[in-house]
């Protein structure tokens, strides 16, 4: 009878040990899955950060190109304004000369 009790106790302890080992194994698996998930998220975050940095650099480059184009257009506009003023001045001189010639002929 004492042997039976000891056998039952031993069987209980063995079952408890197996249950504990199974729990530990499941925890390790969950830890591993969590670590893999964290690594995947960190990798994706790093890729997105790199993409954003590249986009920011591209936008900056485009902005400086647009600024250069705007400056070139301003210079063309200024040059055109000066040429227009010169043409208008020449037209006035021609008109004055024509008026003088017309008045001399009269």
PDB file of N, CA and C in Angstrom:
ATOM      1  N   UNK A   1       0.834  -1.194   0.000  1.00  0.00           N
ATOM      2  CA  UNK A   1       0.000   0.000   0.000  1.00  0.00           C
ATOM      3  C   UNK A   1       0.882   1.262   0.000  1.00  0.00           C
ATOM      4  N   UNK A   2       1.912   1.214   0.803  1.00  0.00           N
ATOM      5  CA  UNK A   2       2.824   2.354   0.862  1.00  0.00           C
ATOM      6  C   UNK A   2       3.503   2.549  -0.490  1.00  0.00           C
ATOM      7  N   UNK A   3       3.814   1.423  -1.129  1.00  0.00           N
ATOM      8  CA  UNK A   3       4.421   1.487  -2.457  1.00  0.00           C
ATOM      9  C   UNK A   3       3.472   2.117  -3.457  1.00  0.00           C
ATOM     10  N   UNK A   4       2.188   1.765  -3.313  1.00  0.00           N
ATOM     11  CA  UNK A   4       1.179   2.330  -4.232  1.00  0.00           C
ATOM     12  C   UNK A   4       1.099   3.854  -4.062  1.00  0.00           C
ATOM     13  N   UNK A   5       1.086   4.287  -2.800  1.00  0.00           N
ATOM     14  CA  UNK A   5       1.039   5.731  -2.536  1.00  0.00           C
ATOM     15  C   UNK A   5       2.258   6.420  -3.130  1.00  0.00           C
ATOM     16  N   UNK A   6       3.417   5.781  -2.930  1.00  0.00           N
ATOM     17  CA  UNK A   6       4.650   6.353  -3.479  1.00  0.00           C
ATOM     18  C   UNK A   6       4.597   6.397  -5.007  1.00  0.00           C
ATOM     19  N   UNK A   7       4.040   5.338  -5.585  1.00  0.00           N
ATOM     20  CA  UNK A   7       3.913   5.290  -7.048  1.00  0.00           C
ATOM     21  C   UNK A   7       2.992   6.403  -7.546  1.00  0.00           C
ATOM     22  N   UNK A   8       1.857   6.611  -6.817  1.00  0.00           N
ATOM     23  CA  UNK A   8       0.899   7.656  -7.193  1.00  0.00           C
ATOM     24  C   UNK A   8       1.567   9.030  -7.087  1.00  0.00           C
ATOM     25  N   UNK A   9       2.282   9.245  -5.986  1.00  0.00           N
ATOM     26  CA  UNK A   9       3.003  10.521  -5.788  1.00  0.00           C
ATOM     27  C   UNK A   9       4.018  10.736  -6.910  1.00  0.00           C
ATOM     28  N   UNK A  10       4.762   9.690  -7.220  1.00  0.00           N
ATOM     29  CA  UNK A  10       5.782   9.788  -8.270  1.00  0.00           C
ATOM     30  C   UNK A  10       5.118  10.104  -9.613  1.00  0.00           C
ATOM     31  N   UNK A  11       3.996   9.450  -9.868  1.00  0.00           N
ATOM     32  CA  UNK A  11       3.273   9.697 -11.126  1.00  0.00           C
ATOM     33  C   UNK A  11       2.786  11.143 -11.182  1.00  0.00           C
ATOM     34  N   UNK A  12       2.251  11.657 -10.022  1.00  0.00           N
ATOM     35  CA  UNK A  12       1.793  13.052  -9.944  1.00  0.00           C
ATOM     36  C   UNK A  12       2.936  14.012 -10.230  1.00  0.00           C
ATOM     37  N   UNK A  13       4.069  13.749  -9.571  1.00  0.00           N
ATOM     38  CA  UNK A  13       5.242  14.625  -9.747  1.00  0.00           C
ATOM     39  C   UNK A  13       5.714  14.599 -11.203  1.00  0.00           C
ATOM     40  N   UNK A  14       5.692  13.417 -11.798  1.00  0.00           N
ATOM     41  CA  UNK A  14       6.110  13.283 -13.195  1.00  0.00           C
ATOM     42  C   UNK A  14       5.179  14.093 -14.101  1.00  0.00           C
ATOM     43  N   UNK A  15       3.864  13.988 -13.827  1.00  0.00           N
ATOM     44  CA  UNK A  15       2.886  14.738 -14.628  1.00  0.00           C
ATOM     45  C   UNK A  15       3.079  16.242 -14.454  1.00  0.00           C
ATOM     46  N   UNK A  16       3.297  16.661 -13.210  1.00  0.00           N
ATOM     47  CA  UNK A  16       3.522  18.083 -12.936  1.00  0.00           C
ATOM     48  C   UNK A  16       4.779  18.570 -13.651  1.00  0.00           C
ATOM     49  N   UNK A  17       5.806  17.738 -13.612  1.00  0.00           N
ATOM     50  CA  UNK A  17       7.072  18.073 -14.287  1.00  0.00           C
ATOM     51  C   UNK A  17       6.863  18.216 -15.784  1.00  0.00           C
ATOM     52  N   UNK A  18       6.090  17.277 -16.358  1.00  0.00           N
ATOM     53  CA  UNK A  18       5.813  17.345 -17.803  1.00  0.00           C
ATOM     54  C   UNK A  18       5.003  18.600 -18.136  1.00  0.00           C
ATOM     55  N   UNK A  19       4.016  18.908 -17.289  1.00  0.00           N
ATOM     56  CA  UNK A  19       3.179  20.094 -17.519  1.00  0.00           C
ATOM     57  C   UNK A  19       4.038  21.363 -17.451  1.00  0.00           C
ATOM     58  N   UNK A  20       4.943  21.395 -16.459  1.00  0.00           N
ATOM     59  CA  UNK A  20       5.833  22.542 -16.308  1.00  0.00           C
ATOM     60  C   UNK A  20       6.751  22.667 -17.520  1.00  0.00           C
ATOM     61  N   UNK A  21       7.304  21.547 -17.960  1.00  0.00           N
ATOM     62  CA  UNK A  21       8.194  21.547 -19.123  1.00  0.00           C
ATOM     63  C   UNK A  21       7.432  22.035 -20.369  1.00  0.00           C
ATOM     64  N   UNK A  22       6.189  21.584 -20.505  1.00  0.00           N
ATOM     65  CA  UNK A  22       5.353  22.002 -21.653  1.00  0.00           C
ATOM     66  C   UNK A  22       5.079  23.520 -21.602  1.00  0.00           C
ATOM     67  N   UNK A  23       4.786  24.023 -20.401  1.00  0.00           N
ATOM     68  CA  UNK A  23       4.550  25.461 -20.247  1.00  0.00           C
ATOM     69  C   UNK A  23       5.799  26.258 -20.621  1.00  0.00           C
ATOM     70  N   UNK A  24       6.960  25.777 -20.137  1.00  0.00           N
ATOM     71  CA  UNK A  24       8.213  26.469 -20.446  1.00  0.00           C
ATOM     72  C   UNK A  24       8.485  26.467 -21.956  1.00  0.00           C
ATOM     73  N   UNK A  25       8.210  25.328 -22.588  1.00  0.00           N
ATOM     74  CA  UNK A  25       8.422  25.217 -24.036  1.00  0.00           C
ATOM     75  C   UNK A  25       7.514  26.210 -24.784  1.00  0.00           C
ATOM     76  N   UNK A  26       6.243  26.295 -24.352  1.00  0.00           N
ATOM     77  CA  UNK A  26       5.305  27.236 -24.990  1.00  0.00           C
ATOM     78  C   UNK A  26       5.761  28.688 -24.793  1.00  0.00           C
ATOM     79  N   UNK A  27       6.242  28.996 -23.581  1.00  0.00           N
ATOM     80  CA  UNK A  27       6.741  30.352 -23.311  1.00  0.00           C
ATOM     81  C   UNK A  27       7.925  30.675 -24.219  1.00  0.00           C
ATOM     82  N   UNK A  28       8.828  29.715 -24.368  1.00  0.00           N
ATOM     83  CA  UNK A  28       9.989  29.939 -25.229  1.00  0.00           C
ATOM     84  C   UNK A  28       9.553  30.181 -26.675  1.00  0.00           C
ATOM     85  N   UNK A  29       8.581  29.403 -27.128  1.00  0.00           N
ATOM     86  CA  UNK A  29       8.068  29.587 -28.492  1.00  0.00           C
ATOM     87  C   UNK A  29       7.451  30.976 -28.643  1.00  0.00           C
ATOM     88  N   UNK A  30       6.656  31.366 -27.643  1.00  0.00           N
ATOM     89  CA  UNK A  30       6.024  32.696 -27.700  1.00  0.00           C
ATOM     90  C   UNK A  30       7.063  33.807 -27.677  1.00  0.00           C
ATOM     91  N   UNK A  31       8.108  33.624 -26.846  1.00  0.00           N
ATOM     92  CA  UNK A  31       9.193  34.613 -26.797  1.00  0.00           C
ATOM     93  C   UNK A  31       9.866  34.733 -28.164  1.00  0.00           C
ATOM     94  N   UNK A  32      10.129  33.596 -28.775  1.00  0.00           N
ATOM     95  CA  UNK A  32      10.790  33.569 -30.081  1.00  0.00           C
ATOM     96  C   UNK A  32       9.908  34.272 -31.122  1.00  0.00           C
ATOM     97  N   UNK A  33       8.613  33.961 -31.115  1.00  0.00           N
ATOM     98  CA  UNK A  33       7.684  34.606 -32.051  1.00  0.00           C
ATOM     99  C   UNK A  33       7.659  36.115 -31.820  1.00  0.00           C
ATOM    100  N   UNK A  34       7.623  36.524 -30.565  1.00  0.00           N
ATOM    101  CA  UNK A  34       7.595  37.953 -30.239  1.00  0.00           C
ATOM    102  C   UNK A  34       8.875  38.636 -30.726  1.00  0.00           C
ATOM    103  N   UNK A  35      10.023  37.981 -30.521  1.00  0.00           N
ATOM    104  CA  UNK A  35      11.295  38.554 -30.974  1.00  0.00           C
ATOM    105  C   UNK A  35      11.323  38.690 -32.494  1.00  0.00           C
ATOM    106  N   UNK A  36      10.815  37.666 -33.184  1.00  0.00           N
ATOM    107  CA  UNK A  36      10.786  37.713 -34.654  1.00  0.00           C
ATOM    108  C   UNK A  36       9.879  38.855 -35.130  1.00  0.00           C
ATOM    109  N   UNK A  37       8.744  39.002 -34.462  1.00  0.00           N
ATOM    110  CA  UNK A  37       7.807  40.064 -34.808  1.00  0.00           C
ATOM    111  C   UNK A  37       8.450  41.437 -34.585  1.00  0.00           C
ATOM    112  N   UNK A  38       9.119  41.585 -33.458  1.00  0.00           N
ATOM    113  CA  UNK A  38       9.796  42.853 -33.138  1.00  0.00           C
ATOM    114  C   UNK A  38      10.855  43.163 -34.193  1.00  0.00           C
ATOM    115  N   UNK A  39      11.649  42.136 -34.565  1.00  0.00           N
ATOM    116  CA  UNK A  39      12.683  42.345 -35.588  1.00  0.00           C
ATOM    117  C   UNK A  39      12.053  42.755 -36.920  1.00  0.00           C
ATOM    118  N   UNK A  40      10.946  42.109 -37.281  1.00  0.00           N
ATOM    119  CA  UNK A  40      10.276  42.441 -38.544  1.00  0.00           C
ATOM    120  C   UNK A  40       9.765  43.882 -38.518  1.00  0.00           C
ATOM    121  N   UNK A  41       9.180  44.283 -37.392  1.00  0.00           N
ATOM    122  CA  UNK A  41       8.667  45.655 -37.255  1.00  0.00           C
ATOM    123  C   UNK A  41       9.815  46.657 -37.311  1.00  0.00           C
ATOM    124  N   UNK A  42      10.897  46.364 -36.617  1.00  0.00           N
ATOM    125  CA  UNK A  42      12.055  47.270 -36.627  1.00  0.00           C
ATOM    126  C   UNK A  42      12.626  47.406 -38.030  1.00  0.00           C
ATOM    127  N   UNK A  43      12.677  46.278 -38.751  1.00  0.00           N
ATOM    128  CA  UNK A  43      13.195  46.286 -40.125  1.00  0.00           C
ATOM    129  C   UNK A  43      12.299  47.138 -41.024  1.00  0.00           C
ATOM    130  N   UNK A  44      10.978  46.957 -40.880  1.00  0.00           N
ATOM    131  CA  UNK A  44      10.037  47.736 -41.690  1.00  0.00           C
ATOM    132  C   UNK A  44      10.155  49.229 -41.365  1.00  0.00           C
ATOM    133  N   UNK A  45      10.283  49.540 -40.071  1.00  0.00           N
ATOM    134  CA  UNK A  45      10.442  50.939 -39.652  1.00  0.00           C
ATOM    135  C   UNK A  45      11.707  51.548 -40.259  1.00  0.00           C
ATOM    136  N   UNK A  46      12.783  50.770 -40.261  1.00  0.00           N
ATOM    137  CA  UNK A  46      14.049  51.261 -40.829  1.00  0.00           C
ATOM    138  C   UNK A  46      13.892  51.503 -42.332  1.00  0.00           C
ATOM    139  N   UNK A  47      13.206  50.583 -43.023  1.00  0.00           N
ATOM    140  CA  UNK A  47      12.984  50.757 -44.468  1.00  0.00           C
ATOM    141  C   UNK A  47      12.155  52.006 -44.737  1.00  0.00           C
ATOM    142  N   UNK A  48      11.103  52.202 -43.933  1.00  0.00           N
ATOM    143  CA  UNK A  48      10.247  53.383 -44.113  1.00  0.00           C
ATOM    144  C   UNK A  48      11.032  54.662 -43.838  1.00  0.00           C
ATOM    145  N   UNK A  49      11.860  54.634 -42.806  1.00  0.00           N
ATOM    146  CA  UNK A  49      12.663  55.820 -42.484  1.00  0.00           C
ATOM    147  C   UNK A  49      13.607  56.140 -43.644  1.00  0.00           C
ATOM    148  N   UNK A  50      14.198  55.099 -44.235  1.00  0.00           N
ATOM    149  CA  UNK A  50      15.098  55.305 -45.377  1.00  0.00           C
ATOM    150  C   UNK A  50      14.326  55.879 -46.563  1.00  0.00           C
ATOM    151  N   UNK A  51      13.123  55.348 -46.807  1.00  0.00           N
ATOM    152  CA  UNK A  51      12.285  55.856 -47.899  1.00  0.00           C
ATOM    153  C   UNK A  51      11.935  57.326 -47.673  1.00  0.00           C
ATOM    154  N   UNK A  52      11.552  57.656 -46.427  1.00  0.00           N
ATOM    155  CA  UNK A  52      11.184  59.033 -46.106  1.00  0.00           C
ATOM    156  C   UNK A  52      12.376  59.970 -46.286  1.00  0.00           C
ATOM    157  N   UNK A  53      13.550  59.509 -45.878  1.00  0.00           N
ATOM    158  CA  UNK A  53      14.756  60.338 -46.034  1.00  0.00           C
ATOM    159  C   UNK A  53      15.029  60.571 -47.516  1.00  0.00           C
ATOM    160  N   UNK A  54      14.872  59.517 -48.323  1.00  0.00           N
ATOM    161  CA  UNK A  54      15.088  59.645 -49.772  1.00  0.00           C
ATOM    162  C   UNK A  54      14.083  60.616 -50.386  1.00  0.00           C
ATOM    163  N   UNK A  55      12.810  60.487 -49.968  1.00  0.00           N
ATOM    164  CA  UNK A  55      11.769  61.387 -50.474  1.00  0.00           C
ATOM    165  C   UNK A  55      12.063  62.835 -50.086  1.00  0.00           C
ATOM    166  N   UNK A  56      12.495  63.026 -48.849  1.00  0.00           N
ATOM    167  CA  UNK A  56      12.810  64.379 -48.369  1.00  0.00           C
ATOM    168  C   UNK A  56      13.953  64.972 -49.196  1.00  0.00           C
ATOM    169  N   UNK A  57      14.970  64.158 -49.481  1.00  0.00           N
ATOM    170  CA  UNK A  57      16.105  64.635 -50.279  1.00  0.00           C
ATOM    171  C   UNK A  57      15.649  64.994 -51.691  1.00  0.00           C
ATOM    172  N   UNK A  58      14.777  64.163 -52.252  1.00  0.00           N
ATOM    173  CA  UNK A  58      14.247  64.422 -53.603  1.00  0.00           C
ATOM    174  C   UNK A  58      13.458  65.730 -53.622  1.00  0.00           C
ATOM    175  N   UNK A  59      12.618  65.923 -52.615  1.00  0.00           N
ATOM    176  CA  UNK A  59      11.805  67.147 -52.531  1.00  0.00           C
ATOM    177  C   UNK A  59      12.706  68.376 -52.396  1.00  0.00           C
ATOM    178  N   UNK A  60      13.742  68.254 -51.573  1.00  0.00           N
ATOM    179  CA  UNK A  60      14.676  69.371 -51.385  1.00  0.00           C
ATOM    180  C   UNK A  60      15.353  69.731 -52.714  1.00  0.00           C
ATOM    181  N   UNK A  61      15.751  68.697 -53.440  1.00  0.00           N
ATOM    182  CA  UNK A  61      16.402  68.900 -54.740  1.00  0.00           C
ATOM    183  C   UNK A  61      15.436  69.591 -55.709  1.00  0.00           C
ATOM    184  N   UNK A  62      14.185  69.126 -55.727  1.00  0.00           N
ATOM    185  CA  UNK A  62      13.176  69.735 -56.598  1.00  0.00           C
ATOM    186  C   UNK A  62      12.935  71.193 -56.224  1.00  0.00           C
ATOM    187  N   UNK A  63      12.898  71.469 -54.912  1.00  0.00           N
ATOM    188  CA  UNK A  63      12.683  72.847 -54.459  1.00  0.00           C
ATOM    189  C   UNK A  63      13.815  73.754 -54.936  1.00  0.00           C
ATOM    190  N   UNK A  64      15.057  73.275 -54.841  1.00  0.00           N
ATOM    191  CA  UNK A  64      16.175  74.129 -55.261  1.00  0.00           C
ATOM    192  C   UNK A  64      16.166  74.318 -56.782  1.00  0.00           C
ATOM    193  N   UNK A  65      15.747  73.267 -57.530  1.00  0.00           N
ATOM    194  CA  UNK A  65      15.626  73.415 -58.986  1.00  0.00           C
ATOM    195  C   UNK A  65      14.555  74.450 -59.337  1.00  0.00           C
ATOM    196  N   UNK A  66      13.422  74.375 -58.633  1.00  0.00           N
ATOM    197  CA  UNK A  66      12.339  75.341 -58.875  1.00  0.00           C
ATOM    198  C   UNK A  66      12.786  76.752 -58.525  1.00  0.00           C
ATOM    199  N   UNK A  67      13.528  76.890 -57.461  1.00  0.00           N
ATOM    200  CA  UNK A  67      14.023  78.215 -57.064  1.00  0.00           C
ATOM    201  C   UNK A  67      14.961  78.765 -58.139  1.00  0.00           C
ATOM    202  N   UNK A  68      15.817  77.906 -58.688  1.00  0.00           N
ATOM    203  CA  UNK A  68      16.740  78.335 -59.749  1.00  0.00           C
ATOM    204  C   UNK A  68      15.955  78.740 -60.997  1.00  0.00           C
ATOM    205  N   UNK A  69      14.922  77.963 -61.336  1.00  0.00           N
ATOM    206  CA  UNK A  69      14.093  78.299 -62.501  1.00  0.00           C
ATOM    207  C   UNK A  69      13.371  79.635 -62.285  1.00  0.00           C
ATOM    208  N   UNK A  70      12.849  79.835 -61.071  1.00  0.00           N
ATOM    209  CA  UNK A  70      12.153  81.087 -60.756  1.00  0.00           C
ATOM    210  C   UNK A  70      13.111  82.272 -60.902  1.00  0.00           C
ATOM    211  N   UNK A  71      14.339  82.105 -60.440  1.00  0.00           N
ATOM    212  CA  UNK A  71      15.337  83.181 -60.543  1.00  0.00           C
ATOM    213  C   UNK A  71      15.659  83.467 -62.012  1.00  0.00           C
ATOM    214  N   UNK A  72      15.805  82.406 -62.803  1.00  0.00           N
ATOM    215  CA  UNK A  72      16.079  82.590 -64.234  1.00  0.00           C
ATOM    216  C   UNK A  72      14.923  83.333 -64.906  1.00  0.00           C
ATOM    217  N   UNK A  73      13.690  82.974 -64.551  1.00  0.00           N
ATOM    218  CA  UNK A  73      12.516  83.650 -65.120  1.00  0.00           C
ATOM    219  C   UNK A  73      12.479  85.127 -64.713  1.00  0.00           C
ATOM    220  N   UNK A  74      12.847  85.410 -63.453  1.00  0.00           N
ATOM    221  CA  UNK A  74      12.884  86.805 -62.986  1.00  0.00           C
ATOM    222  C   UNK A  74      13.885  87.614 -63.824  1.00  0.00           C
ATOM    223  N   UNK A  75      15.041  86.995 -64.083  1.00  0.00           N
ATOM    224  CA  UNK A  75      16.068  87.692 -64.868  1.00  0.00           C
ATOM    225  C   UNK A  75      15.581  87.960 -66.298  1.00  0.00           C
ATOM    226  N   UNK A  76      14.902  86.948 -66.891  1.00  0.00           N
ATOM    227  CA  UNK A  76      14.357  87.121 -68.241  1.00  0.00           C
ATOM    228  C   UNK A  76      13.317  88.243 -68.242  1.00  0.00           C
ATOM    229  N   UNK A  77      12.457  88.243 -67.211  1.00  0.00           N
ATOM    230  CA  UNK A  77      11.409  89.274 -67.104  1.00  0.00           C
ATOM    231  C   UNK A  77      12.037  90.670 -66.993  1.00  0.00           C
ATOM    232  N   UNK A  78      13.079  90.785 -66.158  1.00  0.00           N
ATOM    233  CA  UNK A  78      13.758  92.075 -65.997  1.00  0.00           C
ATOM    234  C   UNK A  78      14.375  92.527 -67.325  1.00  0.00           C
ATOM    235  N   UNK A  79      15.040  91.597 -68.009  1.00  0.00           N
ATOM    236  CA  UNK A  79      15.670  91.904 -69.300  1.00  0.00           C
ATOM    237  C   UNK A  79      14.608  92.339 -70.318  1.00  0.00           C
ATOM    238  N   UNK A  80      13.485  91.608 -70.337  1.00  0.00           N
ATOM    239  CA  UNK A  80      12.391  91.935 -71.256  1.00  0.00           C
ATOM    240  C   UNK A  80      11.827  93.325 -70.952  1.00  0.00           C
ATOM    241  N   UNK A  81      11.681  93.639 -69.665  1.00  0.00           N
ATOM    242  CA  UNK A  81      11.181  94.965 -69.272  1.00  0.00           C
ATOM    243  C   UNK A  81      12.120  96.058 -69.760  1.00  0.00           C
ATOM    244  N   UNK A  82      13.426  95.835 -69.594  1.00  0.00           N
ATOM    245  CA  UNK A  82      14.414  96.843 -70.041  1.00  0.00           C
ATOM    246  C   UNK A  82      14.339  97.019 -71.563  1.00  0.00           C
ATOM    247  N   UNK A  83      14.232  95.902 -72.292  1.00  0.00           N
ATOM    248  CA  UNK A  83      14.157  95.971 -73.755  1.00  0.00           C
ATOM    249  C   UNK A  83      12.882  96.684 -74.197  1.00  0.00           C
ATOM    250  N   UNK A  84      11.778  96.404 -73.505  1.00  0.00           N
ATOM    251  CA  UNK A  84      10.502  97.048 -73.838  1.00  0.00           C
ATOM    252  C   UNK A  84      10.599  98.555 -73.617  1.00  0.00           C
ATOM    253  N   UNK A  85      11.226  98.957 -72.506  1.00  0.00           N
ATOM    254  CA  UNK A  85      11.397 100.389 -72.226  1.00  0.00           C
ATOM    255  C   UNK A  85      12.245 101.046 -73.314  1.00  0.00           C
ATOM    256  N   UNK A  86      13.300 100.325 -73.745  1.00  0.00           N
ATOM    257  CA  UNK A  86      14.179 100.870 -74.789  1.00  0.00           C
ATOM    258  C   UNK A  86      13.387 101.041 -76.089  1.00  0.00           C
ATOM    259  N   UNK A  87      12.566 100.035 -76.425  1.00  0.00           N
ATOM    260  CA  UNK A  87      11.753 100.103 -77.652  1.00  0.00           C
ATOM    261  C   UNK A  87      10.771 101.265 -77.570  1.00  0.00           C
ATOM    262  N   UNK A  88      10.130 101.411 -76.406  1.00  0.00           N
ATOM    263  CA  UNK A  88       9.168 102.508 -76.231  1.00  0.00           C
ATOM    264  C   UNK A  88       9.872 103.866 -76.357  1.00  0.00           C
ATOM    265  N   UNK A  89      11.061 103.947 -75.788  1.00  0.00           N
ATOM    266  CA  UNK A  89      11.850 105.194 -75.894  1.00  0.00           C
ATOM    267  C   UNK A  89      12.175 105.490 -77.354  1.00  0.00           C
ATOM    268  N   UNK A  90      12.587 104.468 -78.094  1.00  0.00           N
ATOM    269  CA  UNK A  90      12.921 104.656 -79.518  1.00  0.00           C
ATOM    270  C   UNK A  90      11.689 105.063 -80.297  1.00  0.00           C
ATOM    271  N   UNK A  91      10.539 104.479 -79.976  1.00  0.00           N
ATOM    272  CA  UNK A  91       9.283 104.831 -80.665  1.00  0.00           C
ATOM    273  C   UNK A  91       8.941 106.310 -80.425  1.00  0.00           C
ATOM    274  N   UNK A  92       9.130 106.755 -79.186  1.00  0.00           N
ATOM    275  CA  UNK A  92       8.843 108.168 -78.868  1.00  0.00           C
ATOM    276  C   UNK A  92       9.754 109.088 -79.687  1.00  0.00           C
ATOM    277  N   UNK A  93      11.041 108.723 -79.762  1.00  0.00           N
ATOM    278  CA  UNK A  93      11.984 109.540 -80.530  1.00  0.00           C
ATOM    279  C   UNK A  93      11.566 109.608 -82.002  1.00  0.00           C
ATOM    280  N   UNK A  94      11.159 108.416 -82.541  1.00  0.00           N
ATOM    281  CA  UNK A  94      10.723 108.375 -83.938  1.00  0.00           C
ATOM    282  C   UNK A  94       9.502 109.259 -84.151  1.00  0.00           C
ATOM    283  N   UNK A  95       8.557 109.192 -83.219  1.00  0.00           N
ATOM    284  CA  UNK A  95       7.351 110.004 -83.336  1.00  0.00           C
ATOM    285  C   UNK A  95       7.697 111.487 -83.307  1.00  0.00           C
ATOM    286  N   UNK A  96       8.613 111.845 -82.395  1.00  0.00           N
ATOM    287  CA  UNK A  96       9.014 113.255 -82.297  1.00  0.00           C
ATOM    288  C   UNK A  96       9.680 113.713 -83.602  1.00  0.00           C
ATOM    289  N   UNK A  97      10.556 112.841 -84.143  1.00  0.00           N
ATOM    290  CA  UNK A  97      11.234 113.188 -85.402  1.00  0.00           C
ATOM    291  C   UNK A  97      10.216 113.347 -86.529  1.00  0.00           C
ATOM    292  N   UNK A  98       9.251 112.414 -86.559  1.00  0.00           N
ATOM    293  CA  UNK A  98       8.232 112.493 -87.610  1.00  0.00           C
ATOM    294  C   UNK A  98       7.413 113.779 -87.474  1.00  0.00           C
ATOM    295  N   UNK A  99       7.087 114.118 -86.224  1.00  0.00           N
ATOM    296  CA  UNK A  99       6.320 115.356 -86.003  1.00  0.00           C
ATOM    297  C   UNK A  99       7.133 116.566 -86.455  1.00  0.00           C
ATOM    298  N   UNK A 100       8.433 116.549 -86.140  1.00  0.00           N
ATOM    299  CA  UNK A 100       9.290 117.674 -86.540  1.00  0.00           C
ATOM    300  C   UNK A 100       9.356 117.755 -88.064  1.00  0.00           C
ATOM    301  N   UNK A 101       9.545 116.604 -88.719  1.00  0.00           N
ATOM    302  CA  UNK A 101       9.635 116.592 -90.176  1.00  0.00           C
ATOM    303  C   UNK A 101       8.303 117.043 -90.817  1.00  0.00           C
ATOM    304  N   UNK A 102       7.210 116.575 -90.237  1.00  0.00           N
ATOM    305  CA  UNK A 102       5.887 116.941 -90.742  1.00  0.00           C
ATOM    306  C   UNK A 102       5.672 118.441 -90.602  1.00  0.00           C
ATOM    307  N   UNK A 103       6.097 119.003 -89.433  1.00  0.00           N
ATOM    308  CA  UNK A 103       5.911 120.427 -89.204  1.00  0.00           C
ATOM    309  C   UNK A 103       6.851 121.235 -90.104  1.00  0.00           C
ATOM    310  N   UNK A 104       8.031 120.709 -90.440  1.00  0.00           N
ATOM    311  CA  UNK A 104       8.955 121.409 -91.322  1.00  0.00           C
ATOM    312  C   UNK A 104       8.427 121.435 -92.741  1.00  0.00           C
ATOM    313  N   UNK A 105       7.777 120.340 -93.131  1.00  0.00           N
ATOM    314  CA  UNK A 105       7.229 120.264 -94.487  1.00  0.00           C
ATOM    315  C   UNK A 105       6.046 121.205 -94.657  1.00  0.00           C
ATOM    316  N   UNK A 106       5.353 121.387 -93.584  1.00  0.00           N
ATOM    317  CA  UNK A 106       4.116 122.206 -93.680  1.00  0.00           C
ATOM    318  C   UNK A 106       4.381 123.674 -93.876  1.00  0.00           C
TER     319      UNK A 106
END
